[in-house]
């Protein structure tokens, strides 16, 4: 019983303690919740009180930042405006200084050009005066001056060209005309010197003849042309030229006086010899420049300045051809020209301009056997370039003609005879044959190359200079050449080859120019001369050139004339 009561008491006590603990826990929970709610409430109140203040502060900061940015922008704009003004002022000042400097430089150039033109004019007048004195003092003047009439005409042309250049004022580059005038005077000086030398030699010959005639002394015998040892191609060429000179003298001193040889006419031999002498002298004058190792780079650049436009000549368009002419003309005028990314000038070193002039003449003539024999139509744009440059640079024209005669003596016409003691190889080389490995080239190859050179030469003769200028080497030379060729006995193959090529290119123009006279000449070719060609053609040799000539003449008879050559440039091409 007691235990029961004790247990009940204990249970009651535990229940009371548990209830008390629960109340304490409930109180704690209520307190905690109240604290959290109070904190949350106070936090909300605080936030509500702080939010307006924070937004206001942000606005103030933003406003301050915006004002600062605007201030910086205005300041920067003012600085930029000041800098721009300073730059404009500086640019104006620099421009004024440049214009002032350019004006003063131009004034100096004008004064220098005037001075140099004046010196050139005085020098040209002195040269012409010396030439007139030499011509006046020339013995047997009328007969001799015919042999140098071409040179005298060139001097007259140079004088006219000089006046045009002097009167033409280039306000952008006044020194250009001064340089061109000096180049013209230099050409005239060289030409006058050659003419005066010719006159002096003629006077000496005439004086010697008069003295011999006066004392009735017999004419000394000419030395025999024995075998001369040769050590190089240059010596061989000089030996041949010396033999040609003796041959010319022998013809001149013959009893008949006017008889021609069977392989060349006397007057043609004189012209040929003079041209080759001029060419050798010109090459000798450029030897120092060509052989100077220190000028190797300059020579290479000048070679490119010549060869690049020459190799690009074609009938692609008038503008294309004009560009090549302008580049080559500028080079010969001594102006700076582009070679790749560099600028090069032929007058940078003494002898450079002469080197370029001769190289250009040689390479243009070489196009006949290198390009024209493969593409016959290529002859006409090349011929047009040659003609235009010949008009402006007479010395260049003389060099072109000399190279034509050296490359193909049949254009003189001159059938070079084999000299006593001359080897077959040397003789064939003098005729234009090529040797490889000690063997001479095949005849068809040789004939094709020579035909290309003849075609190019004929294309030059019929080309039409622009601006209605007089041709420096036109159809009158075509008539002279054809008449001279028909007055010589034909040779196997080569005569037929060059005749058909020449008539194909120049025949139509000659027919228009000379009318019935040319028809008579063509009739002579079809009858008597073609028979002579047949007679010198070995039987069974094939006679390719003879067959082509026969077909050409037959076609011309059927058509009643010679058709214009294919590929000829029209008068308005460029």
Protein backbone atom coordinates (compact mmCIF):
# COMPACT_ATOMS: atom_id res chain seq x y z
CA UNK A 1 0.00 0.00 0.00
CA UNK A 2 2.74 2.34 1.05
CA UNK A 3 4.64 1.42 -2.06
CA UNK A 4 1.58 2.15 -4.11
CA UNK A 5 1.23 5.57 -2.56
CA UNK A 6 4.90 6.24 -3.05
CA UNK A 7 4.66 5.38 -6.70
CA UNK A 8 1.60 7.59 -7.12
CA UNK A 9 3.40 10.47 -5.43
CA UNK A 10 6.40 9.93 -7.58
CA UNK A 11 4.32 9.88 -10.70
CA UNK A 12 2.55 13.07 -9.63
CA UNK A 13 5.86 14.76 -8.95
CA UNK A 14 7.26 13.73 -12.30
CA UNK A 15 4.10 14.90 -14.01
CA UNK A 16 4.34 18.26 -12.30
CA UNK A 17 8.02 18.57 -13.23
CA UNK A 18 7.30 17.62 -16.80
CA UNK A 19 4.48 20.13 -16.98
CA UNK A 20 6.74 22.80 -15.54
CA UNK A 21 9.50 22.03 -18.02
CA UNK A 22 7.02 22.12 -20.85
CA UNK A 23 5.82 25.53 -19.72
CA UNK A 24 9.39 26.72 -19.59
CA UNK A 25 9.99 25.43 -23.11
CA UNK A 26 6.78 27.03 -24.32
CA UNK A 27 7.84 30.29 -22.73
CA UNK A 28 11.20 30.10 -24.39
CA UNK A 29 9.57 29.39 -27.72
CA UNK A 30 7.17 32.29 -27.29
CA UNK A 31 10.02 34.55 -26.25
CA UNK A 32 12.11 33.47 -29.21
CA UNK A 33 9.28 34.06 -31.60
CA UNK A 34 8.55 37.40 -30.05
CA UNK A 35 12.17 38.39 -30.32
CA UNK A 36 12.30 37.34 -33.97
CA UNK A 37 9.12 39.18 -34.77
CA UNK A 38 10.36 42.22 -32.91
CA UNK A 39 13.66 42.07 -34.71
CA UNK A 40 11.94 41.64 -38.02
CA UNK A 41 9.62 44.51 -37.26
CA UNK A 42 12.42 46.75 -36.18
CA UNK A 43 14.42 45.71 -39.20
CA UNK A 44 11.53 46.56 -41.47
CA UNK A 45 11.09 49.89 -39.74
CA UNK A 46 14.77 50.57 -40.07
CA UNK A 47 14.77 49.59 -43.71
CA UNK A 48 11.71 51.74 -44.34
CA UNK A 49 13.51 54.63 -42.72
CA UNK A 50 16.79 53.98 -44.55
CA UNK A 51 15.53 53.28 -48.11
CA UNK A 52 14.56 56.86 -48.98
CA UNK A 53 17.89 58.04 -47.71
CA UNK A 54 19.79 55.46 -49.79
CA UNK A 55 17.93 56.35 -53.01
CA UNK A 56 18.59 60.00 -52.43
CA UNK A 57 22.26 59.30 -51.86
CA UNK A 58 22.48 57.28 -55.07
CA UNK A 59 20.82 60.08 -56.98
CA UNK A 60 23.27 62.56 -55.55
CA UNK A 61 26.22 60.36 -56.43
CA UNK A 62 24.88 59.80 -59.92
CA UNK A 63 24.29 63.50 -60.37
CA UNK A 64 27.78 64.28 -59.17
CA UNK A 65 29.24 61.63 -61.49
CA UNK A 66 27.23 62.93 -64.43
CA UNK A 67 28.31 66.51 -63.78
CA UNK A 68 31.90 65.42 -63.48
CA UNK A 69 31.67 63.46 -66.76
CA UNK A 70 30.08 66.41 -68.53
CA UNK A 71 32.77 68.69 -67.18
CA UNK A 72 35.48 66.33 -68.34
CA UNK A 73 33.84 66.07 -71.77
CA UNK A 74 33.62 69.84 -72.12
CA UNK A 75 37.21 70.16 -71.05
CA UNK A 76 38.29 67.44 -73.48
CA UNK A 77 36.30 69.05 -76.28
CA UNK A 78 37.98 72.36 -75.62
CA UNK A 79 41.37 70.68 -75.60
CA UNK A 80 40.51 68.85 -78.84
CA UNK A 81 39.36 72.10 -80.42
CA UNK A 82 42.56 73.80 -79.35
CA UNK A 83 44.63 70.89 -80.71
CA UNK A 84 42.67 70.95 -83.97
CA UNK A 85 43.22 74.67 -84.32
CA UNK A 86 46.91 74.23 -83.63
CA UNK A 87 47.11 71.44 -86.21
CA UNK A 88 45.27 73.54 -88.77
CA UNK A 89 47.57 76.47 -88.12
CA UNK A 90 50.61 74.20 -88.34
CA UNK A 91 49.31 72.57 -91.53
CA UNK A 92 48.67 75.96 -93.10
CA UNK A 93 52.14 77.12 -92.12
CA UNK A 94 53.74 73.94 -93.49
CA UNK A 95 51.73 74.22 -96.69
CA UNK A 96 52.75 77.84 -97.08
CA UNK A 97 56.36 76.89 -96.44
CA UNK A 98 56.17 74.04 -98.96
CA UNK A 99 54.53 76.24 -101.56
CA UNK A 100 57.08 78.94 -100.94
CA UNK A 101 59.90 76.40 -101.14
CA UNK A 102 58.38 74.87 -104.27
CA UNK A 103 58.01 78.29 -105.82
CA UNK A 104 61.59 79.22 -105.04
CA UNK A 105 62.84 75.83 -106.25
CA UNK A 106 60.82 76.21 -109.45
CA UNK A 107 62.25 79.69 -109.95
CA UNK A 108 65.75 78.30 -109.49
CA UNK A 109 64.99 75.44 -111.91
CA UNK A 110 63.57 77.88 -114.45
CA UNK A 111 66.65 80.04 -114.16
CA UNK A 112 68.93 76.99 -114.38
CA UNK A 113 66.98 75.63 -117.35
CA UNK A 114 67.21 79.00 -119.09
CA UNK A 115 70.94 79.12 -118.46
CA UNK A 116 71.51 75.57 -119.71
CA UNK A 117 69.30 76.12 -122.74
CA UNK A 118 71.26 79.26 -123.52
CA UNK A 119 74.53 77.36 -123.29
CA UNK A 120 73.12 74.56 -125.45
CA UNK A 121 71.87 77.08 -128.01
CA UNK A 122 75.26 78.78 -128.15
CA UNK A 123 77.00 75.44 -128.48
CA UNK A 124 74.66 74.34 -131.26
CA UNK A 125 75.24 77.60 -133.13
CA UNK A 126 79.00 77.09 -132.82
CA UNK A 127 78.67 73.52 -134.10
CA UNK A 128 76.59 74.63 -137.07
CA UNK A 129 79.09 77.38 -137.81
CA UNK A 130 81.95 74.87 -137.77
CA UNK A 131 79.94 72.56 -139.99
CA UNK A 132 79.22 75.33 -142.49
CA UNK A 133 82.90 76.25 -142.57
CA UNK A 134 83.86 72.62 -143.19
CA UNK A 135 81.24 72.26 -145.93
CA UNK A 136 82.44 75.49 -147.55
CA UNK A 137 86.03 74.25 -147.47
CA UNK A 138 85.08 70.84 -148.86
CA UNK A 139 86.87 69.99 -152.10
CA UNK A 140 84.79 68.59 -154.95
CA UNK A 141 81.87 69.49 -152.76
CA UNK A 142 78.93 68.61 -154.98
CA UNK A 143 80.10 65.06 -155.60
CA UNK A 144 81.23 64.35 -152.06
CA UNK A 145 78.30 65.87 -150.17
CA UNK A 146 75.96 63.36 -151.77
CA UNK A 147 77.65 60.67 -149.69
CA UNK A 148 77.00 62.55 -146.43
CA UNK A 149 73.63 64.05 -147.36
CA UNK A 150 71.83 61.75 -144.92
CA UNK A 151 74.02 62.99 -142.09
CA UNK A 152 73.45 66.61 -143.09
CA UNK A 153 69.71 66.00 -143.14
CA UNK A 154 69.97 64.53 -139.67
CA UNK A 155 71.76 67.66 -138.44
CA UNK A 156 68.93 69.77 -139.87
CA UNK A 157 66.37 67.53 -138.18
CA UNK A 158 68.22 67.80 -134.86
CA UNK A 159 68.25 71.58 -135.18
CA UNK A 160 64.49 71.65 -135.74
CA UNK A 161 63.96 69.25 -132.85
CA UNK A 162 66.14 71.45 -130.64
CA UNK A 163 64.00 74.51 -131.39
CA UNK A 164 60.83 72.60 -130.51
CA UNK A 165 62.29 71.39 -127.22
CA UNK A 166 63.66 74.83 -126.27
CA UNK A 167 60.38 76.59 -127.01
CA UNK A 168 58.36 73.98 -125.13
CA UNK A 169 58.33 75.10 -121.49
CA UNK A 170 57.34 72.48 -118.92
CA UNK A 171 56.20 74.49 -115.90
CA UNK A 172 56.18 71.42 -113.65
CA UNK A 173 59.66 70.20 -114.60
CA UNK A 174 61.54 72.95 -116.47
CA UNK A 175 64.85 71.08 -116.25
CA UNK A 176 63.46 68.26 -118.37
CA UNK A 177 63.50 70.35 -121.55
CA UNK A 178 67.01 71.58 -120.67
CA UNK A 179 68.25 68.00 -120.35
CA UNK A 180 66.60 67.04 -123.62
CA UNK A 181 68.13 70.04 -125.38
CA UNK A 182 71.57 69.05 -124.06
CA UNK A 183 71.05 65.49 -125.32
CA UNK A 184 70.13 66.82 -128.76
CA UNK A 185 73.21 69.04 -128.84
CA UNK A 186 75.34 66.06 -127.80
CA UNK A 187 73.92 64.05 -130.70
CA UNK A 188 74.53 66.97 -133.06
CA UNK A 189 78.08 67.36 -131.75
CA UNK A 190 78.88 63.70 -132.42
CA UNK A 191 77.33 63.91 -135.86
CA UNK A 192 79.11 67.14 -136.81
CA UNK A 193 82.40 65.63 -135.69
CA UNK A 194 81.82 62.61 -137.93
CA UNK A 195 80.90 64.81 -140.91
CA UNK A 196 83.93 67.06 -140.41
CA UNK A 197 86.18 64.00 -140.21
CA UNK A 198 84.66 62.70 -143.45
CA UNK A 199 85.23 66.08 -145.12
CA UNK A 200 88.81 66.22 -143.86
CA UNK A 201 89.50 62.74 -145.23
CA UNK A 202 87.90 63.68 -148.54
CA UNK A 203 90.00 66.86 -148.76
CA UNK A 204 93.14 64.86 -148.06
CA UNK A 205 92.26 62.35 -150.78
CA UNK A 206 91.45 65.08 -153.30
CA UNK A 207 94.63 66.97 -152.43
CA UNK A 208 96.69 63.80 -152.83
CA UNK A 209 95.07 63.09 -156.20
CA UNK A 210 95.70 66.65 -157.37
CA UNK A 211 99.31 66.46 -156.29
CA UNK A 212 99.75 63.12 -158.03
CA UNK A 213 98.11 64.44 -161.18
CA UNK A 214 100.23 67.59 -161.10
CA UNK A 215 103.51 65.73 -160.82
CA UNK A 216 102.25 62.97 -163.15
CA UNK A 217 103.23 60.30 -160.71
CA UNK A 218 101.73 56.82 -161.14
CA UNK A 219 99.10 55.70 -158.66
CA UNK A 220 100.71 53.46 -156.05
CA UNK A 221 99.51 49.88 -156.14
CA UNK A 222 97.04 48.76 -153.53
CA UNK A 223 98.39 46.28 -151.00
CA UNK A 224 97.32 42.73 -151.59
CA UNK A 225 94.76 41.29 -149.25
CA UNK A 226 96.87 38.43 -148.03
CA UNK A 227 96.05 36.12 -145.16
CA UNK A 228 96.02 37.95 -141.85
CA UNK A 229 96.25 36.10 -138.54
CA UNK A 230 93.13 36.55 -136.42
CA UNK A 231 92.84 36.00 -132.71
CA UNK A 232 89.31 37.09 -131.88
CA UNK A 233 85.96 37.84 -133.45
CA UNK A 234 86.58 41.56 -132.98
CA UNK A 235 89.82 41.41 -134.94
CA UNK A 236 88.10 39.35 -137.62
CA UNK A 237 85.36 41.93 -137.94
CA UNK A 238 87.90 44.75 -138.20
CA UNK A 239 89.81 42.76 -140.82
CA UNK A 240 86.64 42.33 -142.88
CA UNK A 241 85.80 46.02 -142.52
CA UNK A 242 89.32 46.91 -143.63
CA UNK A 243 88.91 44.68 -146.66
CA UNK A 244 85.57 46.35 -147.39
CA UNK A 245 87.28 49.72 -147.18
CA UNK A 246 89.97 48.66 -149.64
CA UNK A 247 87.28 47.24 -151.88
CA UNK A 248 85.42 50.54 -151.77
CA UNK A 249 88.62 52.47 -152.59
CA UNK A 250 89.43 50.10 -155.41
CA UNK A 251 85.98 50.64 -156.90
CA UNK A 252 86.26 54.40 -156.49
CA UNK A 253 89.66 54.53 -158.16
CA UNK A 254 88.76 52.25 -161.06
CA UNK A 255 89.06 53.58 -164.60
CA UNK A 256 85.35 53.55 -165.16
CA UNK A 257 84.75 55.25 -161.82
CA UNK A 258 81.07 54.31 -161.70
CA UNK A 259 81.09 50.58 -162.37
CA UNK A 260 79.48 48.43 -159.68
CA UNK A 261 80.66 45.08 -158.45
CA UNK A 262 78.60 41.96 -158.83
CA UNK A 263 77.99 41.63 -155.09
CA UNK A 264 77.29 45.26 -154.07
CA UNK A 265 76.76 48.68 -155.59
CA UNK A 266 79.50 51.20 -154.95
CA UNK A 267 77.31 53.79 -153.22
CA UNK A 268 75.69 51.09 -151.09
CA UNK A 269 79.09 49.86 -150.01
CA UNK A 270 80.04 53.40 -148.98
CA UNK A 271 76.90 53.74 -146.84
CA UNK A 272 77.43 50.28 -145.35
CA UNK A 273 81.05 51.01 -144.47
CA UNK A 274 80.19 54.37 -142.90
CA UNK A 275 77.43 52.86 -140.78
CA UNK A 276 79.62 50.02 -139.56
CA UNK A 277 82.42 52.48 -138.74
CA UNK A 278 79.96 54.61 -136.76
CA UNK A 279 78.69 51.54 -134.93
CA UNK A 280 82.20 50.38 -134.02
CA UNK A 281 83.08 53.87 -132.79
CA UNK A 282 79.89 54.03 -130.74
CA UNK A 283 80.61 50.65 -129.17
CA UNK A 284 84.18 51.74 -128.42
CA UNK A 285 82.85 54.85 -126.66
CA UNK A 286 80.70 52.70 -124.37
CA UNK A 287 83.40 50.09 -123.71
CA UNK A 288 84.53 51.78 -120.48
CA UNK A 289 81.00 51.77 -119.10
CA UNK A 290 80.37 48.19 -120.24
CA UNK A 291 83.57 46.85 -118.69
CA UNK A 292 83.53 48.69 -115.34
CA UNK A 293 82.88 46.07 -112.64
CA UNK A 294 81.79 48.74 -110.15
CA UNK A 295 78.87 49.59 -112.46
CA UNK A 296 77.60 46.02 -112.75
CA UNK A 297 74.44 46.72 -110.73
CA UNK A 298 73.64 49.86 -112.70
CA UNK A 299 74.17 48.03 -116.01
CA UNK A 300 71.87 45.24 -114.86
CA UNK A 301 69.13 47.73 -113.96
CA UNK A 302 69.53 49.56 -117.28
CA UNK A 303 69.37 46.26 -119.16
CA UNK A 304 66.06 45.49 -117.47
CA UNK A 305 64.83 49.00 -118.29
CA UNK A 306 65.51 48.22 -121.98
CA UNK A 307 64.63 44.54 -122.26
CA UNK A 308 61.38 44.47 -120.29
CA UNK A 309 59.44 46.92 -122.51
CA UNK A 310 61.06 45.52 -125.68
CA UNK A 311 59.93 41.98 -124.85
CA UNK A 312 56.42 43.26 -124.05
CA UNK A 313 55.86 45.06 -127.39
CA UNK A 314 52.72 43.72 -129.07
CA UNK A 315 49.58 44.82 -130.90
CA UNK A 316 47.45 44.10 -127.82
CA UNK A 317 46.07 47.65 -127.89
CA UNK A 318 47.08 51.18 -128.75
CA UNK A 319 47.36 52.07 -125.07
CA UNK A 320 49.62 49.09 -124.45
CA UNK A 321 51.93 50.06 -127.31
CA UNK A 322 51.96 53.70 -126.19
CA UNK A 323 53.05 52.64 -122.71
CA UNK A 324 56.06 50.77 -124.11
CA UNK A 325 56.98 53.74 -126.31
CA UNK A 326 56.72 56.16 -123.37
CA UNK A 327 58.95 54.00 -121.20
CA UNK A 328 61.65 53.65 -123.86
CA UNK A 329 61.45 57.31 -124.87
CA UNK A 330 61.76 58.41 -121.25
CA UNK A 331 64.84 56.20 -120.86
CA UNK A 332 66.54 57.69 -123.93
CA UNK A 333 65.66 61.20 -122.74
CA UNK A 334 67.67 60.57 -119.58
CA UNK A 335 64.64 60.60 -117.29
CA UNK A 336 64.22 58.32 -114.28
CA UNK A 337 62.24 55.17 -115.11
CA UNK A 338 60.75 52.42 -112.95
CA UNK A 339 62.58 49.10 -112.80
CA UNK A 340 60.57 46.99 -110.40
CA UNK A 341 60.37 48.98 -107.18
CA UNK A 342 63.42 51.10 -108.02
CA UNK A 343 64.03 54.17 -110.13
CA UNK A 344 66.97 54.20 -112.52
CA UNK A 345 68.33 56.88 -114.85
CA UNK A 346 70.58 56.25 -117.88
CA UNK A 347 72.47 59.48 -117.22
CA UNK A 348 73.55 58.42 -113.73
CA UNK A 349 77.00 57.68 -115.10
CA UNK A 350 78.88 58.87 -118.21
CA UNK A 351 78.34 56.40 -121.01
CA UNK A 352 75.10 55.06 -119.56
CA UNK A 353 72.84 56.79 -122.06
CA UNK A 354 74.95 55.67 -125.03
CA UNK A 355 75.00 52.14 -123.62
CA UNK A 356 71.19 52.08 -123.40
CA UNK A 357 70.76 53.58 -126.88
CA UNK A 358 72.95 50.96 -128.55
CA UNK A 359 71.50 48.11 -126.49
CA UNK A 360 67.97 49.16 -127.43
CA UNK A 361 68.83 49.40 -131.13
CA UNK A 362 70.50 45.98 -131.09
CA UNK A 363 67.69 44.26 -129.19
CA UNK A 364 64.94 45.69 -131.40
CA UNK A 365 66.73 44.47 -134.53
CA UNK A 366 67.31 41.08 -132.88
CA UNK A 367 63.55 40.75 -132.43
CA UNK A 368 63.44 40.07 -136.17
CA UNK A 369 65.14 36.69 -135.85
CA UNK A 370 63.97 35.94 -132.31
CA UNK A 371 60.28 36.82 -132.49
CA UNK A 372 59.18 37.90 -135.97
CA UNK A 373 60.35 34.67 -137.61
CA UNK A 374 58.01 32.83 -135.21
CA UNK A 375 55.15 35.35 -135.25
CA UNK A 376 55.24 37.39 -138.50
CA UNK A 377 52.57 39.83 -137.29
CA UNK A 378 54.86 40.92 -134.45
CA UNK A 379 56.94 42.89 -136.97
CA UNK A 380 54.48 45.77 -137.18
CA UNK A 381 54.23 46.95 -133.53
CA UNK A 382 58.01 46.60 -133.21
CA UNK A 383 58.47 48.61 -136.42
CA UNK A 384 56.10 51.29 -135.11
CA UNK A 385 58.21 51.69 -131.96
CA UNK A 386 61.43 51.85 -134.02
CA UNK A 387 59.98 54.52 -136.31
CA UNK A 388 58.71 56.75 -133.48
CA UNK A 389 62.02 56.56 -131.61
CA UNK A 390 63.95 57.12 -134.85
CA UNK A 391 62.04 60.38 -135.41
CA UNK A 392 63.01 61.73 -131.99
CA UNK A 393 66.49 60.23 -131.68
CA UNK A 394 68.31 60.23 -135.07
CA UNK A 395 71.44 58.63 -133.59
CA UNK A 396 69.30 55.74 -132.40
CA UNK A 397 67.98 55.40 -135.96
CA UNK A 398 71.49 55.24 -137.40
CA UNK A 399 72.37 52.53 -134.89
CA UNK A 400 69.25 50.56 -135.81
CA UNK A 401 70.18 50.71 -139.50
CA UNK A 402 73.78 49.71 -138.72
CA UNK A 403 72.58 46.71 -136.71
CA UNK A 404 70.19 45.72 -139.50
CA UNK A 405 73.12 45.74 -141.94
CA UNK A 406 75.37 43.86 -139.53
CA UNK A 407 72.69 41.28 -138.77
CA UNK A 408 71.67 40.79 -142.39
CA UNK A 409 74.03 42.28 -145.04
CA UNK A 410 71.49 41.33 -147.71
CA UNK A 411 69.51 44.42 -146.62
CA UNK A 412 72.23 46.70 -148.05
CA UNK A 413 72.01 44.69 -150.43
CA UNK A 414 75.47 43.17 -150.06
CA UNK A 415 76.42 39.59 -150.96
CA UNK A 416 79.58 39.39 -148.89
CA UNK A 417 82.30 37.55 -150.83
CA UNK A 418 84.65 35.15 -149.09
CA UNK A 419 88.00 36.85 -148.65
CA UNK A 420 91.30 35.25 -149.46
CA UNK A 421 92.49 33.22 -146.49
CA UNK A 422 89.15 33.49 -144.71
CA UNK A 423 87.94 30.21 -143.18
CA UNK A 424 84.52 28.85 -144.02
CA UNK A 425 83.35 29.32 -140.45
CA UNK A 426 84.40 32.98 -140.37
CA UNK A 427 82.79 33.56 -143.74
CA UNK A 428 79.50 31.95 -142.79
CA UNK A 429 79.41 33.88 -139.53
CA UNK A 430 79.86 37.12 -141.49
CA UNK A 431 76.74 36.15 -143.45
CA UNK A 432 74.77 35.68 -140.24
CA UNK A 433 74.97 31.91 -139.83
CA UNK A 434 75.11 30.52 -136.31
CA UNK A 435 77.48 27.81 -135.15
CA UNK A 436 76.85 25.27 -132.40
CA UNK A 437 79.42 22.70 -131.40
CA UNK A 438 81.51 23.60 -134.43
CA UNK A 439 78.62 22.87 -136.81
CA UNK A 440 76.84 25.46 -138.91
CA UNK A 441 73.07 25.72 -138.55
CA UNK A 442 70.79 24.11 -141.10
CA UNK A 443 69.91 26.15 -144.18
CA UNK A 444 66.12 26.25 -143.54
CA UNK A 445 66.73 27.62 -140.03
CA UNK A 446 69.09 30.26 -141.36
CA UNK A 447 66.69 31.32 -144.11
CA UNK A 448 63.84 31.60 -141.62
CA UNK A 449 65.86 33.85 -139.32
CA UNK A 450 67.00 36.09 -142.16
CA UNK A 451 63.41 36.27 -143.42
CA UNK A 452 62.34 37.53 -139.98
CA UNK A 453 64.95 40.31 -140.09
CA UNK A 454 63.93 41.27 -143.64
CA UNK A 455 60.25 41.33 -142.64
CA UNK A 456 60.98 43.62 -139.69
CA UNK A 457 63.06 45.96 -141.88
CA UNK A 458 60.31 46.10 -144.51
CA UNK A 459 57.74 46.78 -141.77
CA UNK A 460 59.81 49.77 -140.66
CA UNK A 461 59.86 51.11 -144.23
CA UNK A 462 56.05 51.06 -144.55
CA UNK A 463 55.13 52.08 -140.99
CA UNK A 464 53.17 55.32 -140.75
CA UNK A 465 54.55 57.93 -138.34
CA UNK A 466 51.94 59.64 -136.23
CA UNK A 467 51.04 63.34 -136.48
CA UNK A 468 51.79 63.24 -140.24
CA UNK A 469 55.53 63.49 -139.66
CA UNK A 470 57.98 62.65 -142.42
CA UNK A 471 59.25 59.09 -142.19
CA UNK A 472 62.98 59.01 -141.32
CA UNK A 473 63.53 55.88 -143.46
CA UNK A 474 60.43 55.38 -145.57
CA UNK A 475 59.25 54.04 -148.92
CA UNK A 476 61.91 55.83 -150.96
CA UNK A 477 64.43 53.51 -149.30
CA UNK A 478 62.22 50.53 -150.15
CA UNK A 479 62.39 51.55 -153.82
CA UNK A 480 66.14 52.10 -153.64
CA UNK A 481 66.69 48.72 -151.99
CA UNK A 482 64.55 46.77 -154.44
CA UNK A 483 66.17 48.46 -157.44
CA UNK A 484 69.65 47.76 -156.05
CA UNK A 485 68.76 44.11 -155.36
CA UNK A 486 67.51 43.57 -158.91
CA UNK A 487 70.74 45.07 -160.29
CA UNK A 488 72.76 42.29 -158.64
CA UNK A 489 72.95 38.70 -159.79
CA UNK A 490 70.74 36.52 -157.57
CA UNK A 491 72.12 33.87 -155.21
CA UNK A 492 70.74 30.46 -154.47
CA UNK A 493 67.94 30.36 -151.85
CA UNK A 494 68.69 33.62 -150.05
CA UNK A 495 67.68 35.98 -152.88
CA UNK A 496 64.31 34.29 -153.35
CA UNK A 497 63.76 34.15 -149.56
CA UNK A 498 64.41 37.84 -148.92
CA UNK A 499 62.60 38.95 -152.09
CA UNK A 500 59.34 37.15 -151.30
CA UNK A 501 59.43 38.40 -147.70
CA UNK A 502 60.16 41.98 -148.74
CA UNK A 503 57.43 42.07 -151.39
CA UNK A 504 54.90 40.45 -149.06
CA UNK A 505 55.32 43.27 -146.55
CA UNK A 506 56.19 46.32 -148.66
CA UNK A 507 54.73 45.43 -152.06
CA UNK A 508 51.24 46.81 -151.47
CA UNK A 509 52.48 50.15 -150.10
CA UNK A 510 55.01 50.49 -152.94
CA UNK A 511 52.31 49.78 -155.51
CA UNK A 512 50.13 52.57 -154.08
CA UNK A 513 53.05 54.99 -153.91
CA UNK A 514 54.74 54.34 -157.27
CA UNK A 515 51.89 52.97 -159.38
CA UNK A 516 52.91 51.97 -162.91
CA UNK A 517 56.62 52.26 -162.17
CA UNK A 518 56.30 49.58 -159.52
CA UNK A 519 54.19 47.43 -161.84
CA UNK A 520 57.02 47.57 -164.38
CA UNK A 521 59.47 46.50 -161.70
CA UNK A 522 57.17 43.66 -160.64
CA UNK A 523 56.88 42.56 -164.27
CA UNK A 524 60.67 42.51 -164.50
CA UNK A 525 60.79 40.29 -161.41
CA UNK A 526 58.16 37.92 -162.79
CA UNK A 527 59.97 37.48 -166.08
CA UNK A 528 63.69 38.12 -166.34
CA UNK A 529 64.76 38.12 -162.70
CA UNK A 530 62.80 35.03 -161.71
CA UNK A 531 64.42 33.20 -164.62
CA UNK A 532 67.83 34.24 -163.27
CA UNK A 533 66.85 32.89 -159.84
CA UNK A 534 65.79 29.62 -161.44
CA UNK A 535 69.13 29.36 -163.19
CA UNK A 536 71.15 29.67 -159.95
CA UNK A 537 68.97 27.15 -158.10
CA UNK A 538 70.58 23.68 -158.19
CA UNK A 539 68.39 20.98 -159.66
CA UNK A 540 67.00 18.61 -157.08
CA UNK A 541 67.69 21.02 -154.20
CA UNK A 542 63.99 21.38 -153.41
CA UNK A 543 64.02 25.15 -153.94
CA UNK A 544 61.64 25.99 -151.09
CA UNK A 545 62.16 29.79 -151.25
CA UNK A 546 61.96 29.71 -155.05
CA UNK A 547 58.66 27.85 -154.90
CA UNK A 548 57.24 30.35 -152.39
CA UNK A 549 58.35 33.26 -154.58
CA UNK A 550 56.79 31.66 -157.64
CA UNK A 551 53.49 31.11 -155.81
CA UNK A 552 53.52 34.68 -154.50
CA UNK A 553 54.13 36.16 -157.96
CA UNK A 554 51.48 33.91 -159.50
CA UNK A 555 48.91 34.96 -156.89
CA UNK A 556 49.77 38.64 -157.40
CA UNK A 557 49.20 38.30 -161.15
CA UNK A 558 45.84 36.57 -160.64
CA UNK A 559 44.65 39.17 -158.11
CA UNK A 560 46.02 42.04 -160.15
CA UNK A 561 48.13 43.37 -157.30
CA UNK A 562 49.73 42.66 -153.93
CA UNK A 563 47.51 42.47 -150.86
CA UNK A 564 48.40 44.46 -147.71
CA UNK A 565 50.36 42.35 -145.21
CA UNK A 566 48.46 40.56 -142.47
CA UNK A 567 48.87 42.25 -139.10
CA UNK A 568 49.70 45.73 -140.39
CA UNK A 569 48.62 48.39 -137.89
CA UNK A 570 45.86 50.74 -138.98
CA UNK A 571 46.64 54.49 -139.11
CA UNK A 572 44.40 55.08 -136.07
CA UNK A 573 45.63 52.12 -134.04
CA UNK A 574 47.27 54.44 -131.54
